[in-house]
Amino acid sequence: MSKGFLPRPNSLFAIHYSPKYRSWSGNAPPIVRDRVEERPQICLRLDFTTGLSTAKKSTVRNWVKRRLRNAVFEELRLRGIEKDGRLLSTGLCAQRQDALGMALREGKRDVYLKGTLRLYSTKEMVGAEYGVVREHTGKIVDALVNNLSMTLGGKKPGNTSRGKGRKPS
């Protein structure tokens, strides 16, 4: 699956999305890797990370992670989606006029965001206003919901731009 449906990268955080369930645990001990792999693979996994390039102090890095996590959770809640990616039938998604809205109005319960989304914050995130952070995370949530709608509608998810195709002969 192409990741072309996600918004362009911004200066606040890097976006990594996989439609499959990935742990990105790297050099984690085997116990931690096993615990991550044992989690149910049915909904959206969110991972918020920072590095030493974000800030020297761990308290600042934790504050940045918490701020980014809260922004994503608020944007999900605003659109009628739970933290784990399950869609609420009473949310704004049910009012949509596309395949996603139809599926929710028909009572389908197996509609949810899938995959793993990792947001890696940068040093610009420390001084950014919270409204700007919410704006950028809102674009990501919208892209995930639109991609789910395209998948339910039978269209191939991915980049929706037409591009420069060849002329028919």
N, C-alpha and C. Protein backbone atom coordinates (compact mmCIF):
# COMPACT_ATOMS: atom_id res chain seq x y z
N MET A 1 0.84 -1.17 0.00
CA MET A 1 0.00 0.00 0.00
C MET A 1 0.89 1.24 0.00
N SER A 2 0.56 2.19 -0.81
CA SER A 2 1.31 3.42 -0.89
C SER A 2 0.97 4.31 0.30
N LYS A 3 1.97 5.09 0.72
CA LYS A 3 1.73 6.04 1.80
C LYS A 3 1.47 7.43 1.24
N GLY A 4 1.11 7.52 -0.02
CA GLY A 4 0.90 8.80 -0.67
C GLY A 4 -0.31 9.55 -0.16
N PHE A 5 -1.17 8.91 0.59
CA PHE A 5 -2.36 9.59 1.09
C PHE A 5 -2.06 10.46 2.31
N LEU A 6 -0.92 10.26 2.95
CA LEU A 6 -0.57 11.06 4.12
C LEU A 6 -0.16 12.47 3.70
N PRO A 7 -0.37 13.47 4.57
CA PRO A 7 0.03 14.83 4.21
C PRO A 7 1.55 14.94 4.09
N ARG A 8 1.98 15.99 3.45
CA ARG A 8 3.41 16.21 3.28
C ARG A 8 4.07 16.40 4.65
N PRO A 9 5.33 16.01 4.77
CA PRO A 9 6.02 16.16 6.06
C PRO A 9 6.06 17.63 6.48
N ASN A 10 6.03 17.84 7.77
CA ASN A 10 6.12 19.19 8.31
C ASN A 10 7.38 19.28 9.17
N SER A 11 7.62 20.46 9.72
CA SER A 11 8.83 20.66 10.51
C SER A 11 8.66 20.24 11.97
N LEU A 12 7.45 19.89 12.39
CA LEU A 12 7.21 19.56 13.80
C LEU A 12 7.50 18.11 14.12
N PHE A 13 7.14 17.20 13.22
CA PHE A 13 7.37 15.78 13.47
C PHE A 13 7.42 15.03 12.16
N ALA A 14 8.09 13.90 12.20
CA ALA A 14 8.16 13.00 11.05
C ALA A 14 7.04 11.97 11.18
N ILE A 15 6.49 11.59 10.04
CA ILE A 15 5.36 10.66 10.01
C ILE A 15 5.82 9.35 9.40
N HIS A 16 5.60 8.26 10.12
CA HIS A 16 5.87 6.92 9.60
C HIS A 16 4.59 6.11 9.76
N TYR A 17 4.08 5.60 8.67
CA TYR A 17 2.86 4.80 8.71
C TYR A 17 3.10 3.49 7.99
N SER A 18 2.58 2.43 8.59
CA SER A 18 2.62 1.12 7.96
C SER A 18 1.23 0.51 8.06
N PRO A 19 0.68 0.03 6.95
CA PRO A 19 -0.64 -0.61 7.04
C PRO A 19 -0.58 -1.93 7.79
N LYS A 20 0.63 -2.48 7.95
CA LYS A 20 0.81 -3.69 8.74
C LYS A 20 1.17 -3.28 10.16
N TYR A 21 1.18 -4.22 11.05
CA TYR A 21 1.49 -3.93 12.44
C TYR A 21 2.98 -4.13 12.66
N ARG A 22 3.66 -3.03 12.99
CA ARG A 22 5.10 -3.06 13.19
C ARG A 22 5.40 -2.60 14.60
N SER A 23 6.50 -3.09 15.12
CA SER A 23 6.84 -2.71 16.48
C SER A 23 7.86 -1.58 16.53
N TRP A 24 8.72 -1.45 15.52
CA TRP A 24 9.77 -0.45 15.50
C TRP A 24 10.56 -0.45 16.80
N SER A 25 10.72 -1.61 17.40
CA SER A 25 11.37 -1.66 18.70
C SER A 25 12.88 -1.61 18.59
N GLY A 26 13.44 -1.91 17.43
CA GLY A 26 14.88 -1.77 17.25
C GLY A 26 15.68 -2.66 18.16
N ASN A 27 16.42 -2.05 19.05
CA ASN A 27 17.32 -2.78 19.94
C ASN A 27 16.68 -3.09 21.29
N ALA A 28 15.39 -3.20 21.34
CA ALA A 28 14.71 -3.49 22.60
C ALA A 28 15.00 -4.92 23.04
N PRO A 29 14.97 -5.16 24.34
CA PRO A 29 15.17 -6.53 24.83
C PRO A 29 14.07 -7.46 24.32
N PRO A 30 14.35 -8.75 24.25
CA PRO A 30 13.36 -9.70 23.72
C PRO A 30 12.04 -9.69 24.48
N ILE A 31 12.08 -9.45 25.78
CA ILE A 31 10.83 -9.42 26.55
C ILE A 31 9.94 -8.27 26.08
N VAL A 32 10.54 -7.11 25.83
CA VAL A 32 9.77 -5.96 25.38
C VAL A 32 9.22 -6.21 23.98
N ARG A 33 10.04 -6.77 23.09
CA ARG A 33 9.59 -7.07 21.73
C ARG A 33 8.44 -8.06 21.74
N ASP A 34 8.53 -9.08 22.59
CA ASP A 34 7.45 -10.07 22.67
C ASP A 34 6.16 -9.45 23.18
N ARG A 35 6.28 -8.56 24.17
CA ARG A 35 5.10 -7.90 24.72
C ARG A 35 4.42 -7.03 23.66
N VAL A 36 5.23 -6.34 22.86
CA VAL A 36 4.67 -5.50 21.81
C VAL A 36 4.00 -6.35 20.74
N GLU A 37 4.62 -7.47 20.39
CA GLU A 37 4.06 -8.33 19.35
C GLU A 37 2.80 -9.06 19.81
N GLU A 38 2.61 -9.23 21.12
CA GLU A 38 1.43 -9.92 21.64
C GLU A 38 0.18 -9.06 21.62
N ARG A 39 0.33 -7.76 21.43
CA ARG A 39 -0.84 -6.89 21.41
C ARG A 39 -1.76 -7.28 20.26
N PRO A 40 -3.07 -7.13 20.43
CA PRO A 40 -3.99 -7.52 19.35
C PRO A 40 -3.75 -6.67 18.10
N GLN A 41 -3.83 -7.32 16.96
CA GLN A 41 -3.55 -6.66 15.70
C GLN A 41 -4.85 -6.36 14.95
N ILE A 42 -5.73 -5.63 15.60
CA ILE A 42 -7.00 -5.34 14.95
C ILE A 42 -7.25 -3.85 14.78
N CYS A 43 -6.61 -3.01 15.53
CA CYS A 43 -6.90 -1.58 15.47
C CYS A 43 -5.63 -0.80 15.15
N LEU A 44 -5.70 0.49 15.35
CA LEU A 44 -4.59 1.39 15.07
C LEU A 44 -3.62 1.42 16.24
N ARG A 45 -2.35 1.23 15.94
CA ARG A 45 -1.31 1.38 16.95
C ARG A 45 -0.67 2.74 16.77
N LEU A 46 -0.55 3.48 17.86
CA LEU A 46 0.07 4.80 17.82
C LEU A 46 1.37 4.75 18.61
N ASP A 47 2.39 5.39 18.08
CA ASP A 47 3.69 5.42 18.74
C ASP A 47 4.22 6.85 18.65
N PHE A 48 4.48 7.47 19.78
CA PHE A 48 4.98 8.83 19.84
C PHE A 48 6.40 8.78 20.39
N THR A 49 7.37 9.26 19.63
CA THR A 49 8.76 9.17 20.06
C THR A 49 9.45 10.51 19.91
N THR A 50 10.50 10.66 20.69
CA THR A 50 11.39 11.80 20.60
C THR A 50 12.82 11.28 20.69
N GLY A 51 13.74 12.12 20.33
CA GLY A 51 15.14 11.75 20.43
C GLY A 51 15.92 12.84 21.13
N LEU A 52 17.20 12.61 21.27
CA LEU A 52 18.04 13.62 21.90
C LEU A 52 18.11 14.89 21.07
N SER A 53 17.82 14.81 19.80
CA SER A 53 17.82 16.01 18.96
C SER A 53 16.65 16.93 19.29
N THR A 54 15.62 16.40 19.93
CA THR A 54 14.48 17.23 20.31
C THR A 54 14.83 18.15 21.47
N ALA A 55 15.40 17.60 22.52
CA ALA A 55 15.80 18.37 23.69
C ALA A 55 16.78 17.56 24.51
N LYS A 56 17.60 18.26 25.29
CA LYS A 56 18.58 17.56 26.13
C LYS A 56 17.91 16.90 27.33
N LYS A 57 17.00 17.61 27.93
CA LYS A 57 16.38 17.13 29.17
C LYS A 57 15.25 16.14 28.88
N SER A 58 15.21 15.08 29.67
CA SER A 58 14.17 14.07 29.47
C SER A 58 12.79 14.60 29.84
N THR A 59 12.73 15.56 30.76
CA THR A 59 11.43 16.12 31.12
C THR A 59 10.82 16.88 29.94
N VAL A 60 11.66 17.58 29.19
CA VAL A 60 11.17 18.31 28.02
C VAL A 60 10.73 17.32 26.94
N ARG A 61 11.50 16.26 26.75
CA ARG A 61 11.12 15.25 25.76
C ARG A 61 9.80 14.58 26.13
N ASN A 62 9.62 14.27 27.41
CA ASN A 62 8.35 13.68 27.85
C ASN A 62 7.19 14.65 27.68
N TRP A 63 7.43 15.92 27.93
CA TRP A 63 6.40 16.94 27.75
C TRP A 63 6.00 17.03 26.28
N VAL A 64 6.99 16.98 25.38
CA VAL A 64 6.71 17.04 23.94
C VAL A 64 5.90 15.82 23.51
N LYS A 65 6.28 14.64 24.00
CA LYS A 65 5.53 13.42 23.65
C LYS A 65 4.09 13.50 24.15
N ARG A 66 3.91 13.95 25.37
CA ARG A 66 2.57 14.05 25.95
C ARG A 66 1.73 15.08 25.18
N ARG A 67 2.35 16.17 24.78
CA ARG A 67 1.66 17.21 24.03
C ARG A 67 1.21 16.69 22.66
N LEU A 68 2.09 15.97 21.99
CA LEU A 68 1.76 15.40 20.69
C LEU A 68 0.68 14.33 20.83
N ARG A 69 0.81 13.48 21.85
CA ARG A 69 -0.18 12.43 22.09
C ARG A 69 -1.56 13.04 22.37
N ASN A 70 -1.60 14.07 23.21
CA ASN A 70 -2.88 14.71 23.52
C ASN A 70 -3.50 15.36 22.28
N ALA A 71 -2.67 15.95 21.43
CA ALA A 71 -3.19 16.57 20.21
C ALA A 71 -3.81 15.52 19.29
N VAL A 72 -3.14 14.38 19.13
CA VAL A 72 -3.68 13.32 18.27
C VAL A 72 -4.97 12.77 18.86
N PHE A 73 -5.00 12.52 20.17
CA PHE A 73 -6.19 11.97 20.79
C PHE A 73 -7.37 12.95 20.70
N GLU A 74 -7.11 14.25 20.85
CA GLU A 74 -8.19 15.23 20.73
C GLU A 74 -8.73 15.29 19.30
N GLU A 75 -7.84 15.19 18.32
CA GLU A 75 -8.29 15.20 16.92
C GLU A 75 -9.09 13.93 16.60
N LEU A 76 -8.67 12.80 17.14
CA LEU A 76 -9.44 11.57 16.94
C LEU A 76 -10.82 11.69 17.57
N ARG A 77 -10.87 12.17 18.80
CA ARG A 77 -12.14 12.31 19.51
C ARG A 77 -13.06 13.30 18.80
N LEU A 78 -12.49 14.36 18.23
CA LEU A 78 -13.27 15.36 17.51
C LEU A 78 -13.97 14.76 16.30
N ARG A 79 -13.35 13.74 15.70
CA ARG A 79 -13.91 13.10 14.51
C ARG A 79 -14.70 11.84 14.84
N GLY A 80 -14.91 11.56 16.10
CA GLY A 80 -15.72 10.41 16.49
C GLY A 80 -14.97 9.10 16.44
N ILE A 81 -13.68 9.13 16.76
CA ILE A 81 -12.85 7.94 16.72
C ILE A 81 -12.22 7.74 18.09
N GLU A 82 -12.20 6.49 18.55
CA GLU A 82 -11.58 6.20 19.83
C GLU A 82 -10.06 6.18 19.69
N LYS A 83 -9.36 6.11 20.82
CA LYS A 83 -7.90 6.15 20.82
C LYS A 83 -7.27 4.99 20.06
N ASP A 84 -7.95 3.86 20.04
CA ASP A 84 -7.38 2.69 19.36
C ASP A 84 -7.81 2.59 17.90
N GLY A 85 -8.51 3.58 17.38
CA GLY A 85 -8.87 3.60 15.97
C GLY A 85 -10.26 3.09 15.65
N ARG A 86 -11.01 2.63 16.67
CA ARG A 86 -12.37 2.17 16.40
C ARG A 86 -13.27 3.38 16.17
N LEU A 87 -14.11 3.28 15.16
CA LEU A 87 -15.00 4.38 14.81
C LEU A 87 -16.30 4.26 15.59
N LEU A 88 -16.77 5.38 16.08
CA LEU A 88 -18.04 5.40 16.79
C LEU A 88 -19.15 5.72 15.80
N SER A 89 -20.22 4.96 15.84
CA SER A 89 -21.30 5.15 14.86
C SER A 89 -22.03 6.47 15.08
N THR A 90 -21.88 7.07 16.26
CA THR A 90 -22.57 8.33 16.52
C THR A 90 -21.69 9.52 16.18
N GLY A 91 -20.47 9.29 15.74
CA GLY A 91 -19.55 10.38 15.47
C GLY A 91 -19.77 11.03 14.13
N LEU A 92 -18.85 11.91 13.79
CA LEU A 92 -18.93 12.62 12.53
C LEU A 92 -18.71 11.69 11.34
N CYS A 93 -18.06 10.57 11.57
CA CYS A 93 -17.82 9.63 10.46
C CYS A 93 -19.13 9.06 9.94
N ALA A 94 -20.12 8.89 10.81
CA ALA A 94 -21.40 8.33 10.38
C ALA A 94 -22.19 9.32 9.53
N GLN A 95 -21.87 10.60 9.63
CA GLN A 95 -22.58 11.61 8.86
C GLN A 95 -21.97 11.82 7.48
N ARG A 96 -20.86 11.17 7.20
CA ARG A 96 -20.21 11.32 5.90
C ARG A 96 -21.08 10.73 4.81
N GLN A 97 -20.92 11.23 3.60
CA GLN A 97 -21.73 10.79 2.47
C GLN A 97 -20.95 9.84 1.56
N ASP A 98 -19.97 9.15 2.08
CA ASP A 98 -19.17 8.24 1.27
C ASP A 98 -19.34 6.82 1.79
N ALA A 99 -18.47 5.93 1.36
CA ALA A 99 -18.58 4.51 1.73
C ALA A 99 -18.42 4.30 3.23
N LEU A 100 -17.60 5.12 3.87
CA LEU A 100 -17.40 4.99 5.32
C LEU A 100 -18.68 5.32 6.07
N GLY A 101 -19.34 6.41 5.71
CA GLY A 101 -20.59 6.78 6.36
C GLY A 101 -21.68 5.75 6.14
N MET A 102 -21.74 5.20 4.92
CA MET A 102 -22.75 4.17 4.63
C MET A 102 -22.51 2.92 5.47
N ALA A 103 -21.25 2.52 5.60
CA ALA A 103 -20.94 1.31 6.38
C ALA A 103 -21.33 1.50 7.83
N LEU A 104 -21.08 2.68 8.38
CA LEU A 104 -21.43 2.92 9.78
C LEU A 104 -22.94 3.02 9.98
N ARG A 105 -23.64 3.62 9.03
CA ARG A 105 -25.10 3.73 9.15
C ARG A 105 -25.77 2.37 9.00
N GLU A 106 -25.16 1.46 8.25
CA GLU A 106 -25.71 0.12 8.10
C GLU A 106 -25.45 -0.76 9.32
N GLY A 107 -24.65 -0.27 10.24
CA GLY A 107 -24.42 -1.01 11.48
C GLY A 107 -23.21 -1.92 11.47
N LYS A 108 -22.31 -1.74 10.53
CA LYS A 108 -21.09 -2.56 10.52
C LYS A 108 -20.24 -2.20 11.73
N ARG A 109 -19.78 -3.20 12.43
CA ARG A 109 -18.99 -2.97 13.64
C ARG A 109 -17.50 -3.28 13.43
N ASP A 110 -17.14 -3.79 12.27
CA ASP A 110 -15.74 -4.14 12.05
C ASP A 110 -15.01 -3.05 11.26
N VAL A 111 -15.49 -1.82 11.36
CA VAL A 111 -14.86 -0.70 10.66
C VAL A 111 -13.95 0.02 11.65
N TYR A 112 -12.67 0.05 11.35
CA TYR A 112 -11.71 0.71 12.23
C TYR A 112 -10.45 1.04 11.45
N LEU A 113 -9.70 1.99 11.97
CA LEU A 113 -8.42 2.33 11.37
C LEU A 113 -7.43 1.23 11.71
N LYS A 114 -6.60 0.86 10.74
CA LYS A 114 -5.67 -0.25 10.93
C LYS A 114 -4.24 0.22 10.70
N GLY A 115 -3.31 -0.54 11.22
CA GLY A 115 -1.90 -0.28 10.96
C GLY A 115 -1.19 0.34 12.15
N THR A 116 -0.01 0.85 11.86
CA THR A 116 0.83 1.46 12.89
C THR A 116 1.23 2.85 12.43
N LEU A 117 1.00 3.84 13.27
CA LEU A 117 1.37 5.22 12.99
C LEU A 117 2.38 5.66 14.02
N ARG A 118 3.53 6.11 13.54
CA ARG A 118 4.58 6.58 14.44
C ARG A 118 4.87 8.03 14.12
N LEU A 119 4.83 8.87 15.14
CA LEU A 119 5.14 10.29 15.00
C LEU A 119 6.40 10.59 15.80
N TYR A 120 7.43 11.05 15.10
CA TYR A 120 8.73 11.32 15.71
C TYR A 120 8.91 12.83 15.76
N SER A 121 8.89 13.41 16.96
CA SER A 121 8.93 14.86 17.09
C SER A 121 10.34 15.40 16.89
N THR A 122 10.41 16.64 16.40
CA THR A 122 11.68 17.32 16.17
C THR A 122 11.82 18.47 17.16
N LYS A 123 12.93 19.18 17.08
CA LYS A 123 13.18 20.26 18.05
C LYS A 123 12.24 21.44 17.85
N GLU A 124 11.66 21.61 16.66
CA GLU A 124 10.70 22.69 16.43
C GLU A 124 9.40 22.47 17.21
N MET A 125 9.17 21.25 17.63
CA MET A 125 7.96 20.93 18.38
C MET A 125 7.98 21.57 19.77
N VAL A 126 9.16 21.83 20.31
CA VAL A 126 9.26 22.40 21.65
C VAL A 126 8.64 23.79 21.70
N GLY A 127 8.90 24.61 20.70
CA GLY A 127 8.40 25.98 20.71
C GLY A 127 7.13 26.21 19.93
N ALA A 128 6.55 25.16 19.38
CA ALA A 128 5.35 25.32 18.55
C ALA A 128 4.11 25.56 19.41
N GLU A 129 3.20 26.35 18.87
CA GLU A 129 1.93 26.58 19.56
C GLU A 129 1.07 25.33 19.45
N TYR A 130 0.25 25.12 20.46
CA TYR A 130 -0.57 23.91 20.51
C TYR A 130 -1.58 23.87 19.36
N GLY A 131 -2.09 25.02 18.97
CA GLY A 131 -3.03 25.07 17.85
C GLY A 131 -2.41 24.61 16.55
N VAL A 132 -1.15 24.94 16.34
CA VAL A 132 -0.44 24.50 15.13
C VAL A 132 -0.22 22.99 15.17
N VAL A 133 0.11 22.47 16.35
CA VAL A 133 0.31 21.03 16.50
C VAL A 133 -1.00 20.30 16.20
N ARG A 134 -2.11 20.81 16.72
CA ARG A 134 -3.41 20.18 16.46
C ARG A 134 -3.79 20.26 14.99
N GLU A 135 -3.43 21.35 14.34
CA GLU A 135 -3.73 21.49 12.91
C GLU A 135 -3.00 20.41 12.10
N HIS A 136 -1.72 20.20 12.40
CA HIS A 136 -0.94 19.20 11.67
C HIS A 136 -1.43 17.78 11.98
N THR A 137 -1.74 17.50 13.23
CA THR A 137 -2.22 16.16 13.57
C THR A 137 -3.62 15.93 13.00
N GLY A 138 -4.42 16.98 12.90
CA GLY A 138 -5.74 16.85 12.29
C GLY A 138 -5.65 16.44 10.82
N LYS A 139 -4.65 16.95 10.11
CA LYS A 139 -4.46 16.56 8.71
C LYS A 139 -4.13 15.08 8.60
N ILE A 140 -3.35 14.57 9.54
CA ILE A 140 -2.99 13.15 9.52
C ILE A 140 -4.22 12.29 9.78
N VAL A 141 -5.02 12.67 10.77
CA VAL A 141 -6.23 11.91 11.09
C VAL A 141 -7.20 11.94 9.91
N ASP A 142 -7.36 13.10 9.29
CA ASP A 142 -8.23 13.19 8.11
C ASP A 142 -7.74 12.28 6.99
N ALA A 143 -6.43 12.24 6.78
CA ALA A 143 -5.88 11.38 5.72
C ALA A 143 -6.15 9.91 6.02
N LEU A 144 -6.01 9.50 7.28
CA LEU A 144 -6.27 8.11 7.64
C LEU A 144 -7.75 7.75 7.43
N VAL A 145 -8.64 8.66 7.82
CA VAL A 145 -10.08 8.40 7.66
C VAL A 145 -10.46 8.36 6.19
N ASN A 146 -9.92 9.29 5.39
CA ASN A 146 -10.22 9.29 3.95
C ASN A 146 -9.69 8.03 3.28
N ASN A 147 -8.53 7.55 3.70
CA ASN A 147 -7.97 6.32 3.14
C ASN A 147 -8.85 5.12 3.48
N LEU A 148 -9.37 5.09 4.71
CA LEU A 148 -10.27 4.01 5.11
C LEU A 148 -11.55 4.05 4.28
N SER A 149 -12.05 5.25 4.02
CA SER A 149 -13.25 5.39 3.21
C SER A 149 -13.02 4.90 1.79
N MET A 150 -11.86 5.21 1.22
CA MET A 150 -11.56 4.74 -0.13
C MET A 150 -11.45 3.23 -0.16
N THR A 151 -10.86 2.64 0.87
CA THR A 151 -10.72 1.19 0.93
C THR A 151 -12.09 0.52 1.00
N LEU A 152 -13.00 1.07 1.81
CA LEU A 152 -14.34 0.50 1.93
C LEU A 152 -15.14 0.67 0.64
N GLY A 153 -14.86 1.74 -0.09
CA GLY A 153 -15.58 1.98 -1.33
C GLY A 153 -15.08 1.16 -2.50
N GLY A 154 -14.07 0.36 -2.29
CA GLY A 154 -13.55 -0.49 -3.35
C GLY A 154 -12.49 0.17 -4.20
N LYS A 155 -12.10 1.40 -3.86
CA LYS A 155 -11.06 2.08 -4.62
C LYS A 155 -9.70 1.69 -4.05
N LYS A 156 -8.69 1.80 -4.87
CA LYS A 156 -7.35 1.47 -4.42
C LYS A 156 -6.82 2.63 -3.60
N PRO A 157 -6.46 2.39 -2.32
CA PRO A 157 -5.95 3.48 -1.51
C PRO A 157 -4.57 3.88 -1.99
N GLY A 158 -4.20 5.07 -1.66
CA GLY A 158 -2.88 5.55 -2.04
C GLY A 158 -2.99 6.99 -2.48
N ASN A 159 -2.10 7.39 -3.35
CA ASN A 159 -2.05 8.76 -3.81
C ASN A 159 -3.27 9.05 -4.69
N THR A 160 -3.99 10.11 -4.36
CA THR A 160 -5.20 10.43 -5.10
C THR A 160 -4.95 11.42 -6.22
N SER A 161 -3.73 11.93 -6.36
CA SER A 161 -3.45 12.88 -7.43
C SER A 161 -3.33 12.14 -8.75
N ARG A 162 -3.69 12.82 -9.80
CA ARG A 162 -3.70 12.18 -11.11
C ARG A 162 -2.30 12.06 -11.70
N GLY A 163 -1.46 13.03 -11.50
CA GLY A 163 -0.11 12.97 -12.05
C GLY A 163 -0.11 13.23 -13.54
N LYS A 164 1.06 13.10 -14.14
CA LYS A 164 1.22 13.35 -15.57
C LYS A 164 1.24 12.03 -16.30
N GLY A 165 0.11 11.57 -16.69
CA GLY A 165 0.03 10.31 -17.41
C GLY A 165 0.35 10.48 -18.88
N ARG A 166 0.48 9.40 -19.57
CA ARG A 166 0.75 9.44 -21.01
C ARG A 166 -0.54 9.77 -21.74
N LYS A 167 -0.38 10.42 -22.87
CA LYS A 167 -1.54 10.72 -23.69
C LYS A 167 -2.00 9.46 -24.38
N PRO A 168 -3.30 9.27 -24.50
CA PRO A 168 -3.76 8.07 -25.23
C PRO A 168 -3.39 8.18 -26.70
N SER A 169 -3.03 7.05 -27.31
CA SER A 169 -2.64 7.08 -28.72
C SER A 169 -3.77 6.73 -29.63
